[in-house]
Amino acid sequence: MTPRTPRGKARFGRDWCRSPRFQLNGGVSPVPDSPDTGYRLAPALGLRLVGRSLVSLGVLVVVATPLGLLFDTGWVFAGAVAVVGLVLVGAWAWWLFRKARAVRLTDQGYDVRLLGGVGTTSAAWSDVVEVVAARAGGTPCLVIRLTDGRGTRLPMTALAGDPDAFARDVRRRVRDAHSTSAEAPDEPADHDPEA
């Protein structure tokens, strides 16, 4: 007859109920100084883009219907266009809402994607003169002015997430880029007290 293991005891006699749920001195991975950051498109703007794609698909199906009748394929051609189009629009929507980044910030600079009419779409942080908040047509924007007079105007409503956190991230990266370029001091002159 084998004794029954008391409740709360593991098979090997260790009291698993009292074991810690975490390890205090677990492995710590180093955190990079400033990792690449991506900011997604606002859901409302993403839905608008998907809606435009669905309207375009509807136009294609309307055009494919008489073509199918003209070439004696009936509704098969229009149905195939509709099914393939829905799969493509579904994949586009999945990518747009899950993977796509409207703005990418790196240690070297920024890159704007999926947004039209913003001005300069990419630049290095060393080319940035100032970052200011502004309003364009009643919409809050973050304006990035460059040394050559160009600029980027990012509407805050087009980005998902906290606009203040985005602005702080941009300003921190500009500050870091300008402070590292200013930290390379010239060689100190030799001062000879006896001369």
N, C-alpha and C. Protein backbone atom coordinates (compact mmCIF):
# COMPACT_ATOMS: atom_id res chain seq x y z
N MET A 1 0.83 -1.16 0.00
CA MET A 1 0.00 0.00 0.00
C MET A 1 0.89 1.24 0.00
N THR A 2 0.65 2.14 -0.99
CA THR A 2 1.47 3.36 -1.08
C THR A 2 0.76 4.49 -0.36
N PRO A 3 1.54 5.27 0.39
CA PRO A 3 0.89 6.40 1.09
C PRO A 3 0.47 7.45 0.08
N ARG A 4 -0.60 8.02 0.37
CA ARG A 4 -1.14 9.08 -0.47
C ARG A 4 -0.40 10.40 -0.23
N THR A 5 -0.09 11.10 -1.33
CA THR A 5 0.61 12.38 -1.19
C THR A 5 -0.36 13.40 -0.62
N PRO A 6 0.07 14.08 0.46
CA PRO A 6 -0.82 15.08 1.05
C PRO A 6 -1.12 16.18 0.04
N ARG A 7 -2.26 16.78 0.23
CA ARG A 7 -2.68 17.86 -0.67
C ARG A 7 -1.71 19.04 -0.56
N GLY A 8 -1.34 19.58 -1.71
CA GLY A 8 -0.42 20.71 -1.72
C GLY A 8 1.02 20.29 -1.85
N LYS A 9 1.31 19.00 -1.85
CA LYS A 9 2.69 18.52 -1.97
C LYS A 9 2.89 17.95 -3.36
N ALA A 10 4.02 18.23 -3.94
CA ALA A 10 4.34 17.68 -5.25
C ALA A 10 4.78 16.24 -5.09
N ARG A 11 4.95 15.57 -6.20
CA ARG A 11 5.32 14.17 -6.18
C ARG A 11 6.67 13.95 -5.51
N PHE A 12 7.57 14.91 -5.61
CA PHE A 12 8.92 14.75 -5.07
C PHE A 12 9.06 15.35 -3.68
N GLY A 13 7.98 15.70 -3.06
CA GLY A 13 8.02 16.17 -1.69
C GLY A 13 8.21 17.67 -1.55
N ARG A 14 8.34 18.39 -2.63
CA ARG A 14 8.52 19.84 -2.55
C ARG A 14 7.16 20.49 -2.35
N ASP A 15 7.10 21.46 -1.52
CA ASP A 15 5.85 22.15 -1.26
C ASP A 15 5.65 23.20 -2.34
N TRP A 16 4.91 22.85 -3.40
CA TRP A 16 4.75 23.74 -4.54
C TRP A 16 3.82 24.90 -4.25
N CYS A 17 3.01 24.81 -3.21
CA CYS A 17 2.11 25.92 -2.88
C CYS A 17 2.88 27.11 -2.33
N ARG A 18 4.00 26.84 -1.70
CA ARG A 18 4.75 27.92 -1.08
C ARG A 18 5.93 28.39 -1.92
N SER A 19 6.12 27.80 -3.09
CA SER A 19 7.23 28.23 -3.93
C SER A 19 6.90 29.59 -4.54
N PRO A 20 7.92 30.42 -4.73
CA PRO A 20 7.65 31.76 -5.27
C PRO A 20 7.19 31.68 -6.72
N ARG A 21 6.35 32.63 -7.11
CA ARG A 21 5.85 32.67 -8.46
C ARG A 21 6.84 33.33 -9.41
N PHE A 22 7.84 33.95 -8.88
CA PHE A 22 8.83 34.62 -9.72
C PHE A 22 10.19 34.48 -9.08
N GLN A 23 11.20 34.71 -9.84
CA GLN A 23 12.56 34.63 -9.35
C GLN A 23 13.09 36.05 -9.21
N LEU A 24 13.55 36.40 -8.03
CA LEU A 24 13.99 37.77 -7.78
C LEU A 24 15.21 38.15 -8.61
N ASN A 25 16.15 37.26 -8.75
CA ASN A 25 17.37 37.58 -9.47
C ASN A 25 17.40 36.87 -10.81
N GLY A 26 16.33 37.02 -11.56
CA GLY A 26 16.28 36.41 -12.88
C GLY A 26 17.19 37.14 -13.85
N GLY A 27 17.36 36.54 -15.01
CA GLY A 27 18.23 37.14 -16.02
C GLY A 27 17.69 38.47 -16.50
N VAL A 28 18.56 39.43 -16.63
CA VAL A 28 18.16 40.76 -17.07
C VAL A 28 18.84 41.02 -18.40
N SER A 29 18.03 41.35 -19.39
CA SER A 29 18.62 41.68 -20.68
C SER A 29 18.87 43.18 -20.74
N PRO A 30 19.96 43.58 -21.36
CA PRO A 30 20.24 45.01 -21.44
C PRO A 30 19.22 45.72 -22.31
N VAL A 31 18.80 46.88 -21.87
CA VAL A 31 17.85 47.68 -22.62
C VAL A 31 18.62 48.60 -23.55
N PRO A 32 18.30 48.59 -24.83
CA PRO A 32 19.01 49.50 -25.73
C PRO A 32 18.74 50.95 -25.36
N ASP A 33 19.66 51.82 -25.73
CA ASP A 33 19.54 53.23 -25.37
C ASP A 33 18.24 53.83 -25.88
N SER A 34 17.98 53.74 -27.15
CA SER A 34 16.73 54.23 -27.69
C SER A 34 16.36 53.34 -28.88
N PRO A 35 15.52 52.37 -28.64
CA PRO A 35 15.17 51.44 -29.72
C PRO A 35 14.32 52.12 -30.79
N ASP A 36 14.26 51.47 -31.92
CA ASP A 36 13.38 51.96 -32.98
C ASP A 36 11.95 51.91 -32.49
N THR A 37 11.20 52.95 -32.78
CA THR A 37 9.82 53.03 -32.33
C THR A 37 8.92 53.22 -33.54
N GLY A 38 7.85 52.46 -33.59
CA GLY A 38 6.89 52.61 -34.66
C GLY A 38 5.55 53.04 -34.11
N TYR A 39 4.91 53.97 -34.78
CA TYR A 39 3.59 54.45 -34.37
C TYR A 39 2.59 54.07 -35.45
N ARG A 40 1.52 53.43 -35.01
CA ARG A 40 0.50 52.93 -35.93
C ARG A 40 -0.43 54.04 -36.41
N LEU A 41 -1.15 53.70 -37.46
CA LEU A 41 -2.16 54.57 -38.01
C LEU A 41 -3.37 54.57 -37.09
N ALA A 42 -4.04 55.69 -36.96
CA ALA A 42 -5.25 55.77 -36.14
C ALA A 42 -6.31 54.84 -36.73
N PRO A 43 -7.07 54.14 -35.88
CA PRO A 43 -8.08 53.21 -36.39
C PRO A 43 -9.10 53.86 -37.32
N ALA A 44 -9.51 55.08 -37.04
CA ALA A 44 -10.49 55.75 -37.91
C ALA A 44 -9.92 55.96 -39.31
N LEU A 45 -8.67 56.36 -39.40
CA LEU A 45 -8.05 56.55 -40.71
C LEU A 45 -7.83 55.22 -41.42
N GLY A 46 -7.48 54.19 -40.65
CA GLY A 46 -7.34 52.86 -41.23
C GLY A 46 -8.65 52.34 -41.80
N LEU A 47 -9.74 52.57 -41.07
CA LEU A 47 -11.06 52.16 -41.58
C LEU A 47 -11.42 52.91 -42.85
N ARG A 48 -11.05 54.18 -42.91
CA ARG A 48 -11.31 54.96 -44.12
C ARG A 48 -10.55 54.39 -45.31
N LEU A 49 -9.30 53.98 -45.11
CA LEU A 49 -8.52 53.39 -46.19
C LEU A 49 -9.09 52.04 -46.64
N VAL A 50 -9.53 51.23 -45.68
CA VAL A 50 -10.14 49.95 -46.03
C VAL A 50 -11.46 50.19 -46.75
N GLY A 51 -12.23 51.18 -46.32
CA GLY A 51 -13.48 51.52 -46.99
C GLY A 51 -13.26 51.93 -48.44
N ARG A 52 -12.21 52.71 -48.69
CA ARG A 52 -11.88 53.08 -50.07
C ARG A 52 -11.52 51.85 -50.90
N SER A 53 -10.82 50.92 -50.27
CA SER A 53 -10.47 49.69 -50.98
C SER A 53 -11.71 48.89 -51.33
N LEU A 54 -12.68 48.84 -50.42
CA LEU A 54 -13.92 48.11 -50.70
C LEU A 54 -14.73 48.79 -51.81
N VAL A 55 -14.74 50.10 -51.84
CA VAL A 55 -15.43 50.82 -52.93
C VAL A 55 -14.75 50.52 -54.26
N SER A 56 -13.41 50.52 -54.26
CA SER A 56 -12.68 50.19 -55.48
C SER A 56 -12.98 48.76 -55.93
N LEU A 57 -13.09 47.86 -54.98
CA LEU A 57 -13.44 46.48 -55.32
C LEU A 57 -14.84 46.41 -55.92
N GLY A 58 -15.77 47.17 -55.38
CA GLY A 58 -17.13 47.21 -55.93
C GLY A 58 -17.14 47.69 -57.37
N VAL A 59 -16.32 48.70 -57.66
CA VAL A 59 -16.22 49.20 -59.04
C VAL A 59 -15.65 48.11 -59.95
N LEU A 60 -14.65 47.39 -59.47
CA LEU A 60 -14.08 46.31 -60.28
C LEU A 60 -15.11 45.21 -60.56
N VAL A 61 -15.92 44.88 -59.58
CA VAL A 61 -16.94 43.85 -59.77
C VAL A 61 -17.98 44.33 -60.78
N VAL A 62 -18.35 45.60 -60.69
CA VAL A 62 -19.32 46.15 -61.66
C VAL A 62 -18.74 46.10 -63.07
N VAL A 63 -17.46 46.39 -63.23
CA VAL A 63 -16.83 46.32 -64.54
C VAL A 63 -16.69 44.86 -64.99
N ALA A 64 -16.40 43.95 -64.05
CA ALA A 64 -16.19 42.54 -64.40
C ALA A 64 -17.49 41.85 -64.79
N THR A 65 -18.63 42.31 -64.32
CA THR A 65 -19.90 41.66 -64.62
C THR A 65 -20.23 41.71 -66.13
N PRO A 66 -20.22 42.86 -66.79
CA PRO A 66 -20.50 42.83 -68.23
C PRO A 66 -19.39 42.14 -69.03
N LEU A 67 -18.15 42.20 -68.53
CA LEU A 67 -17.08 41.49 -69.22
C LEU A 67 -17.31 39.98 -69.17
N GLY A 68 -17.76 39.50 -68.03
CA GLY A 68 -18.07 38.08 -67.91
C GLY A 68 -19.22 37.68 -68.82
N LEU A 69 -20.22 38.52 -68.93
CA LEU A 69 -21.34 38.23 -69.82
C LEU A 69 -20.92 38.32 -71.28
N LEU A 70 -20.00 39.23 -71.59
CA LEU A 70 -19.53 39.41 -72.95
C LEU A 70 -18.73 38.19 -73.43
N PHE A 71 -17.94 37.61 -72.54
CA PHE A 71 -17.10 36.47 -72.91
C PHE A 71 -17.73 35.12 -72.53
N ASP A 72 -19.01 35.09 -72.29
CA ASP A 72 -19.78 33.87 -71.98
C ASP A 72 -19.27 33.11 -70.77
N THR A 73 -18.73 33.80 -69.79
CA THR A 73 -18.37 33.12 -68.54
C THR A 73 -19.42 33.36 -67.47
N GLY A 74 -20.41 34.14 -67.79
CA GLY A 74 -21.50 34.39 -66.85
C GLY A 74 -21.02 35.16 -65.63
N TRP A 75 -21.54 34.74 -64.50
CA TRP A 75 -21.22 35.40 -63.24
C TRP A 75 -19.94 34.87 -62.61
N VAL A 76 -19.35 33.86 -63.21
CA VAL A 76 -18.15 33.25 -62.63
C VAL A 76 -16.99 34.25 -62.57
N PHE A 77 -16.80 34.99 -63.65
CA PHE A 77 -15.70 35.97 -63.68
C PHE A 77 -15.90 37.05 -62.61
N ALA A 78 -17.10 37.59 -62.53
CA ALA A 78 -17.38 38.63 -61.52
C ALA A 78 -17.26 38.06 -60.11
N GLY A 79 -17.72 36.82 -59.93
CA GLY A 79 -17.59 36.18 -58.61
C GLY A 79 -16.14 35.95 -58.22
N ALA A 80 -15.34 35.53 -59.19
CA ALA A 80 -13.92 35.31 -58.91
C ALA A 80 -13.22 36.63 -58.56
N VAL A 81 -13.56 37.69 -59.29
CA VAL A 81 -12.99 39.00 -58.98
C VAL A 81 -13.41 39.42 -57.57
N ALA A 82 -14.66 39.19 -57.21
CA ALA A 82 -15.15 39.57 -55.88
C ALA A 82 -14.44 38.78 -54.78
N VAL A 83 -14.30 37.46 -54.97
CA VAL A 83 -13.67 36.63 -53.93
C VAL A 83 -12.20 36.98 -53.78
N VAL A 84 -11.47 37.08 -54.89
CA VAL A 84 -10.05 37.43 -54.81
C VAL A 84 -9.89 38.83 -54.22
N GLY A 85 -10.75 39.75 -54.61
CA GLY A 85 -10.69 41.11 -54.08
C GLY A 85 -10.96 41.16 -52.58
N LEU A 86 -11.94 40.38 -52.12
CA LEU A 86 -12.22 40.36 -50.68
C LEU A 86 -11.06 39.78 -49.88
N VAL A 87 -10.42 38.77 -50.43
CA VAL A 87 -9.25 38.19 -49.75
C VAL A 87 -8.13 39.23 -49.69
N LEU A 88 -7.90 39.93 -50.79
CA LEU A 88 -6.84 40.95 -50.80
C LEU A 88 -7.16 42.12 -49.86
N VAL A 89 -8.41 42.56 -49.85
CA VAL A 89 -8.79 43.65 -48.95
C VAL A 89 -8.69 43.19 -47.49
N GLY A 90 -9.06 41.94 -47.22
CA GLY A 90 -8.91 41.41 -45.86
C GLY A 90 -7.46 41.36 -45.42
N ALA A 91 -6.58 40.91 -46.33
CA ALA A 91 -5.15 40.88 -46.00
C ALA A 91 -4.60 42.29 -45.81
N TRP A 92 -5.07 43.22 -46.65
CA TRP A 92 -4.66 44.63 -46.53
C TRP A 92 -5.10 45.20 -45.19
N ALA A 93 -6.34 44.91 -44.78
CA ALA A 93 -6.86 45.42 -43.51
C ALA A 93 -6.09 44.82 -42.34
N TRP A 94 -5.80 43.52 -42.41
CA TRP A 94 -5.03 42.88 -41.33
C TRP A 94 -3.66 43.53 -41.20
N TRP A 95 -2.97 43.71 -42.32
CA TRP A 95 -1.65 44.32 -42.28
C TRP A 95 -1.73 45.76 -41.77
N LEU A 96 -2.74 46.48 -42.22
CA LEU A 96 -2.88 47.89 -41.86
C LEU A 96 -3.11 48.06 -40.37
N PHE A 97 -3.92 47.19 -39.77
CA PHE A 97 -4.25 47.34 -38.35
C PHE A 97 -3.30 46.61 -37.42
N ARG A 98 -2.57 45.62 -37.90
CA ARG A 98 -1.69 44.83 -37.03
C ARG A 98 -0.21 45.11 -37.22
N LYS A 99 0.23 45.33 -38.43
CA LYS A 99 1.67 45.39 -38.70
C LYS A 99 2.17 46.75 -39.18
N ALA A 100 1.34 47.49 -39.88
CA ALA A 100 1.80 48.73 -40.51
C ALA A 100 2.13 49.81 -39.49
N ARG A 101 3.14 50.56 -39.78
CA ARG A 101 3.54 51.69 -38.95
C ARG A 101 3.46 52.95 -39.81
N ALA A 102 2.76 53.96 -39.31
CA ALA A 102 2.63 55.21 -40.06
C ALA A 102 3.90 56.04 -39.93
N VAL A 103 4.52 56.01 -38.75
CA VAL A 103 5.75 56.76 -38.51
C VAL A 103 6.73 55.83 -37.80
N ARG A 104 7.96 55.82 -38.28
CA ARG A 104 9.01 55.03 -37.64
C ARG A 104 10.12 55.97 -37.21
N LEU A 105 10.49 55.90 -35.93
CA LEU A 105 11.56 56.72 -35.38
C LEU A 105 12.74 55.82 -35.05
N THR A 106 13.91 56.18 -35.54
CA THR A 106 15.13 55.44 -35.24
C THR A 106 16.14 56.39 -34.60
N ASP A 107 17.29 55.87 -34.26
CA ASP A 107 18.34 56.73 -33.71
C ASP A 107 18.88 57.70 -34.76
N GLN A 108 18.77 57.33 -36.03
CA GLN A 108 19.31 58.16 -37.10
C GLN A 108 18.31 59.21 -37.58
N GLY A 109 17.02 58.90 -37.59
CA GLY A 109 16.04 59.84 -38.10
C GLY A 109 14.63 59.29 -38.07
N TYR A 110 13.76 59.89 -38.87
CA TYR A 110 12.36 59.46 -38.90
C TYR A 110 11.95 59.13 -40.32
N ASP A 111 10.89 58.34 -40.44
CA ASP A 111 10.37 57.93 -41.73
C ASP A 111 8.85 57.89 -41.63
N VAL A 112 8.16 58.66 -42.48
CA VAL A 112 6.70 58.72 -42.47
C VAL A 112 6.19 57.88 -43.63
N ARG A 113 5.26 56.98 -43.33
CA ARG A 113 4.64 56.13 -44.35
C ARG A 113 3.13 56.23 -44.23
N LEU A 114 2.44 55.87 -45.27
CA LEU A 114 0.97 55.78 -45.28
C LEU A 114 0.27 57.11 -45.11
N LEU A 115 0.98 58.19 -44.95
CA LEU A 115 0.37 59.51 -44.80
C LEU A 115 0.82 60.40 -45.95
N GLY A 116 -0.13 60.93 -46.67
CA GLY A 116 0.22 61.82 -47.78
C GLY A 116 0.07 63.27 -47.37
N GLY A 117 0.76 64.14 -48.07
CA GLY A 117 0.64 65.57 -47.83
C GLY A 117 1.28 66.06 -46.56
N VAL A 118 2.27 65.32 -46.05
CA VAL A 118 2.92 65.73 -44.81
C VAL A 118 4.19 66.52 -45.06
N GLY A 119 4.59 66.63 -46.31
CA GLY A 119 5.84 67.33 -46.61
C GLY A 119 6.96 66.32 -46.77
N THR A 120 8.07 66.59 -46.13
CA THR A 120 9.23 65.70 -46.20
C THR A 120 8.91 64.42 -45.44
N THR A 121 9.10 63.27 -46.09
CA THR A 121 8.70 62.01 -45.47
C THR A 121 9.80 61.35 -44.65
N SER A 122 11.04 61.77 -44.82
CA SER A 122 12.10 61.21 -43.99
C SER A 122 13.25 62.20 -43.91
N ALA A 123 13.93 62.18 -42.77
CA ALA A 123 15.09 63.05 -42.56
C ALA A 123 15.88 62.53 -41.37
N ALA A 124 17.10 62.95 -41.29
CA ALA A 124 17.96 62.61 -40.16
C ALA A 124 17.70 63.59 -39.02
N TRP A 125 17.90 63.13 -37.80
CA TRP A 125 17.69 64.00 -36.64
C TRP A 125 18.66 65.17 -36.64
N SER A 126 19.84 64.97 -37.20
CA SER A 126 20.82 66.06 -37.24
C SER A 126 20.38 67.19 -38.16
N ASP A 127 19.42 66.92 -39.08
CA ASP A 127 18.91 67.96 -39.98
C ASP A 127 17.74 68.73 -39.38
N VAL A 128 17.26 68.33 -38.22
CA VAL A 128 16.10 68.97 -37.61
C VAL A 128 16.53 70.21 -36.84
N VAL A 129 15.85 71.33 -37.13
CA VAL A 129 16.13 72.58 -36.44
C VAL A 129 15.27 72.71 -35.20
N GLU A 130 13.95 72.46 -35.36
CA GLU A 130 13.05 72.57 -34.22
C GLU A 130 11.83 71.69 -34.43
N VAL A 131 11.19 71.38 -33.32
CA VAL A 131 9.95 70.60 -33.32
C VAL A 131 8.94 71.43 -32.54
N VAL A 132 7.83 71.80 -33.21
CA VAL A 132 6.83 72.65 -32.57
C VAL A 132 5.44 72.06 -32.76
N ALA A 133 4.58 72.37 -31.83
CA ALA A 133 3.17 72.00 -31.96
C ALA A 133 2.44 73.13 -32.68
N ALA A 134 1.54 72.76 -33.57
CA ALA A 134 0.79 73.76 -34.34
C ALA A 134 -0.60 73.21 -34.62
N ARG A 135 -1.43 74.06 -35.21
CA ARG A 135 -2.77 73.65 -35.64
C ARG A 135 -2.90 73.99 -37.11
N ALA A 136 -3.28 72.99 -37.89
CA ALA A 136 -3.51 73.21 -39.32
C ALA A 136 -4.96 72.87 -39.61
N GLY A 137 -5.76 73.88 -39.91
CA GLY A 137 -7.17 73.66 -40.18
C GLY A 137 -7.92 73.14 -38.97
N GLY A 138 -7.50 73.51 -37.78
CA GLY A 138 -8.15 73.06 -36.56
C GLY A 138 -7.65 71.71 -36.06
N THR A 139 -6.75 71.07 -36.79
CA THR A 139 -6.21 69.77 -36.40
C THR A 139 -4.85 69.97 -35.74
N PRO A 140 -4.66 69.42 -34.54
CA PRO A 140 -3.35 69.54 -33.90
C PRO A 140 -2.30 68.76 -34.67
N CYS A 141 -1.15 69.41 -34.90
CA CYS A 141 -0.07 68.81 -35.68
C CYS A 141 1.25 68.98 -34.93
N LEU A 142 2.18 68.12 -35.27
CA LEU A 142 3.56 68.27 -34.82
C LEU A 142 4.37 68.64 -36.05
N VAL A 143 4.99 69.80 -36.03
CA VAL A 143 5.74 70.29 -37.17
C VAL A 143 7.22 70.12 -36.89
N ILE A 144 7.90 69.41 -37.80
CA ILE A 144 9.34 69.19 -37.69
C ILE A 144 9.99 70.04 -38.77
N ARG A 145 10.75 71.05 -38.36
CA ARG A 145 11.40 71.96 -39.32
C ARG A 145 12.85 71.53 -39.51
N LEU A 146 13.26 71.52 -40.78
CA LEU A 146 14.60 71.06 -41.13
C LEU A 146 15.51 72.24 -41.46
N THR A 147 16.81 71.98 -41.52
CA THR A 147 17.79 73.04 -41.73
C THR A 147 17.68 73.69 -43.10
N ASP A 148 17.23 72.95 -44.11
CA ASP A 148 17.17 73.50 -45.46
C ASP A 148 15.83 74.16 -45.78
N GLY A 149 15.01 74.41 -44.78
CA GLY A 149 13.74 75.09 -44.98
C GLY A 149 12.56 74.16 -45.19
N ARG A 150 12.83 72.89 -45.48
CA ARG A 150 11.74 71.93 -45.64
C ARG A 150 11.18 71.59 -44.27
N GLY A 151 10.10 70.81 -44.27
CA GLY A 151 9.51 70.43 -43.01
C GLY A 151 8.54 69.28 -43.17
N THR A 152 8.14 68.74 -42.03
CA THR A 152 7.16 67.66 -41.98
C THR A 152 6.06 68.08 -41.02
N ARG A 153 4.82 67.98 -41.47
CA ARG A 153 3.68 68.31 -40.62
C ARG A 153 2.88 67.03 -40.39
N LEU A 154 2.94 66.52 -39.16
CA LEU A 154 2.26 65.28 -38.82
C LEU A 154 0.98 65.57 -38.05
N PRO A 155 -0.17 65.26 -38.63
CA PRO A 155 -1.42 65.44 -37.88
C PRO A 155 -1.52 64.39 -36.78
N MET A 156 -1.72 64.86 -35.56
CA MET A 156 -1.74 63.95 -34.42
C MET A 156 -2.94 63.01 -34.45
N THR A 157 -4.03 63.44 -35.11
CA THR A 157 -5.21 62.58 -35.18
C THR A 157 -5.00 61.40 -36.12
N ALA A 158 -3.96 61.43 -36.94
CA ALA A 158 -3.69 60.33 -37.87
C ALA A 158 -2.92 59.19 -37.21
N LEU A 159 -2.40 59.42 -36.00
CA LEU A 159 -1.61 58.41 -35.31
C LEU A 159 -2.38 57.84 -34.13
N ALA A 160 -2.27 56.53 -33.96
CA ALA A 160 -2.85 55.88 -32.80
C ALA A 160 -1.94 56.13 -31.59
N GLY A 161 -2.52 56.16 -30.44
CA GLY A 161 -1.71 56.34 -29.24
C GLY A 161 -1.78 57.76 -28.72
N ASP A 162 -0.95 58.01 -27.72
CA ASP A 162 -0.93 59.29 -27.04
C ASP A 162 -0.11 60.31 -27.82
N PRO A 163 -0.71 61.41 -28.27
CA PRO A 163 0.04 62.41 -29.03
C PRO A 163 1.16 63.05 -28.22
N ASP A 164 0.96 63.21 -26.92
CA ASP A 164 2.01 63.82 -26.09
C ASP A 164 3.22 62.90 -25.98
N ALA A 165 2.98 61.59 -25.87
CA ALA A 165 4.09 60.64 -25.80
C ALA A 165 4.87 60.64 -27.11
N PHE A 166 4.16 60.74 -28.23
CA PHE A 166 4.84 60.81 -29.54
C PHE A 166 5.69 62.07 -29.62
N ALA A 167 5.14 63.21 -29.23
CA ALA A 167 5.88 64.47 -29.28
C ALA A 167 7.11 64.42 -28.37
N ARG A 168 6.96 63.84 -27.17
CA ARG A 168 8.11 63.71 -26.26
C ARG A 168 9.19 62.82 -26.87
N ASP A 169 8.77 61.73 -27.52
CA ASP A 169 9.73 60.82 -28.14
C ASP A 169 10.51 61.53 -29.26
N VAL A 170 9.80 62.29 -30.09
CA VAL A 170 10.47 63.02 -31.17
C VAL A 170 11.43 64.05 -30.59
N ARG A 171 10.98 64.82 -29.62
CA ARG A 171 11.83 65.86 -29.03
C ARG A 171 13.06 65.26 -28.34
N ARG A 172 12.87 64.12 -27.67
CA ARG A 172 14.00 63.47 -27.00
C ARG A 172 15.04 63.01 -28.02
N ARG A 173 14.57 62.45 -29.13
CA ARG A 173 15.50 61.98 -30.15
C ARG A 173 16.24 63.16 -30.81
N VAL A 174 15.55 64.26 -31.03
CA VAL A 174 16.22 65.45 -31.58
C VAL A 174 17.25 65.97 -30.59
N ARG A 175 16.87 66.05 -29.32
CA ARG A 175 17.79 66.53 -28.29
C ARG A 175 19.01 65.61 -28.19
N ASP A 176 18.77 64.29 -28.21
CA ASP A 176 19.89 63.35 -28.13
C ASP A 176 20.82 63.46 -29.34
N ALA A 177 20.24 63.64 -30.52
CA ALA A 177 21.07 63.74 -31.73
C ALA A 177 21.92 65.00 -31.70
N HIS A 178 21.36 66.10 -31.22
CA HIS A 178 22.11 67.35 -31.18
C HIS A 178 23.09 67.38 -30.02
N SER A 179 22.78 66.71 -28.92
CA SER A 179 23.71 66.71 -27.80
C SER A 179 24.89 65.79 -28.06
N THR A 180 24.70 64.68 -28.80
CA THR A 180 25.84 63.81 -29.10
C THR A 180 26.76 64.46 -30.12
N SER A 181 26.20 65.25 -31.04
CA SER A 181 27.07 65.94 -32.00
C SER A 181 27.81 67.09 -31.33
N ALA A 182 27.26 67.65 -30.26
CA ALA A 182 27.91 68.76 -29.56
C ALA A 182 28.87 68.25 -28.49
N GLU A 183 28.79 66.95 -28.15
CA GLU A 183 29.64 66.42 -27.09
C GLU A 183 31.06 66.14 -27.55
N ALA A 184 31.33 66.17 -28.83
CA ALA A 184 32.68 65.93 -29.31
C ALA A 184 33.48 67.23 -29.19
N PRO A 185 34.09 67.46 -28.03
CA PRO A 185 34.80 68.73 -27.83
C PRO A 185 36.09 68.76 -28.64
N ASP A 186 36.51 69.97 -28.92
CA ASP A 186 37.78 70.13 -29.60
C ASP A 186 38.89 69.77 -28.62
N GLU A 187 40.04 69.50 -29.16
CA GLU A 187 41.17 69.16 -28.30
C GLU A 187 41.53 70.36 -27.44
N PRO A 188 41.70 70.15 -26.14
CA PRO A 188 42.05 71.29 -25.29
C PRO A 188 43.46 71.79 -25.63
N ALA A 189 43.61 73.08 -25.60
CA ALA A 189 44.91 73.69 -25.89
C ALA A 189 45.85 73.44 -24.73
N ASP A 190 47.09 73.17 -25.04
CA ASP A 190 48.08 72.98 -23.98
C ASP A 190 48.41 74.31 -23.35
N HIS A 191 48.23 74.38 -22.06
CA HIS A 191 48.56 75.60 -21.33
C HIS A 191 49.79 75.32 -20.49
N ASP A 192 50.84 75.98 -20.79
CA ASP A 192 52.07 75.79 -20.05
C ASP A 192 52.20 76.92 -19.06
N PRO A 193 52.11 76.64 -17.75
CA PRO A 193 52.15 77.72 -16.76
C PRO A 193 53.50 78.42 -16.72
N GLU A 194 54.57 77.79 -17.16
CA GLU A 194 55.89 78.43 -17.09
C GLU A 194 56.17 79.31 -18.29
N ALA A 195 55.37 79.26 -19.29
CA ALA A 195 55.65 80.02 -20.52
C ALA A 195 55.32 81.46 -20.39
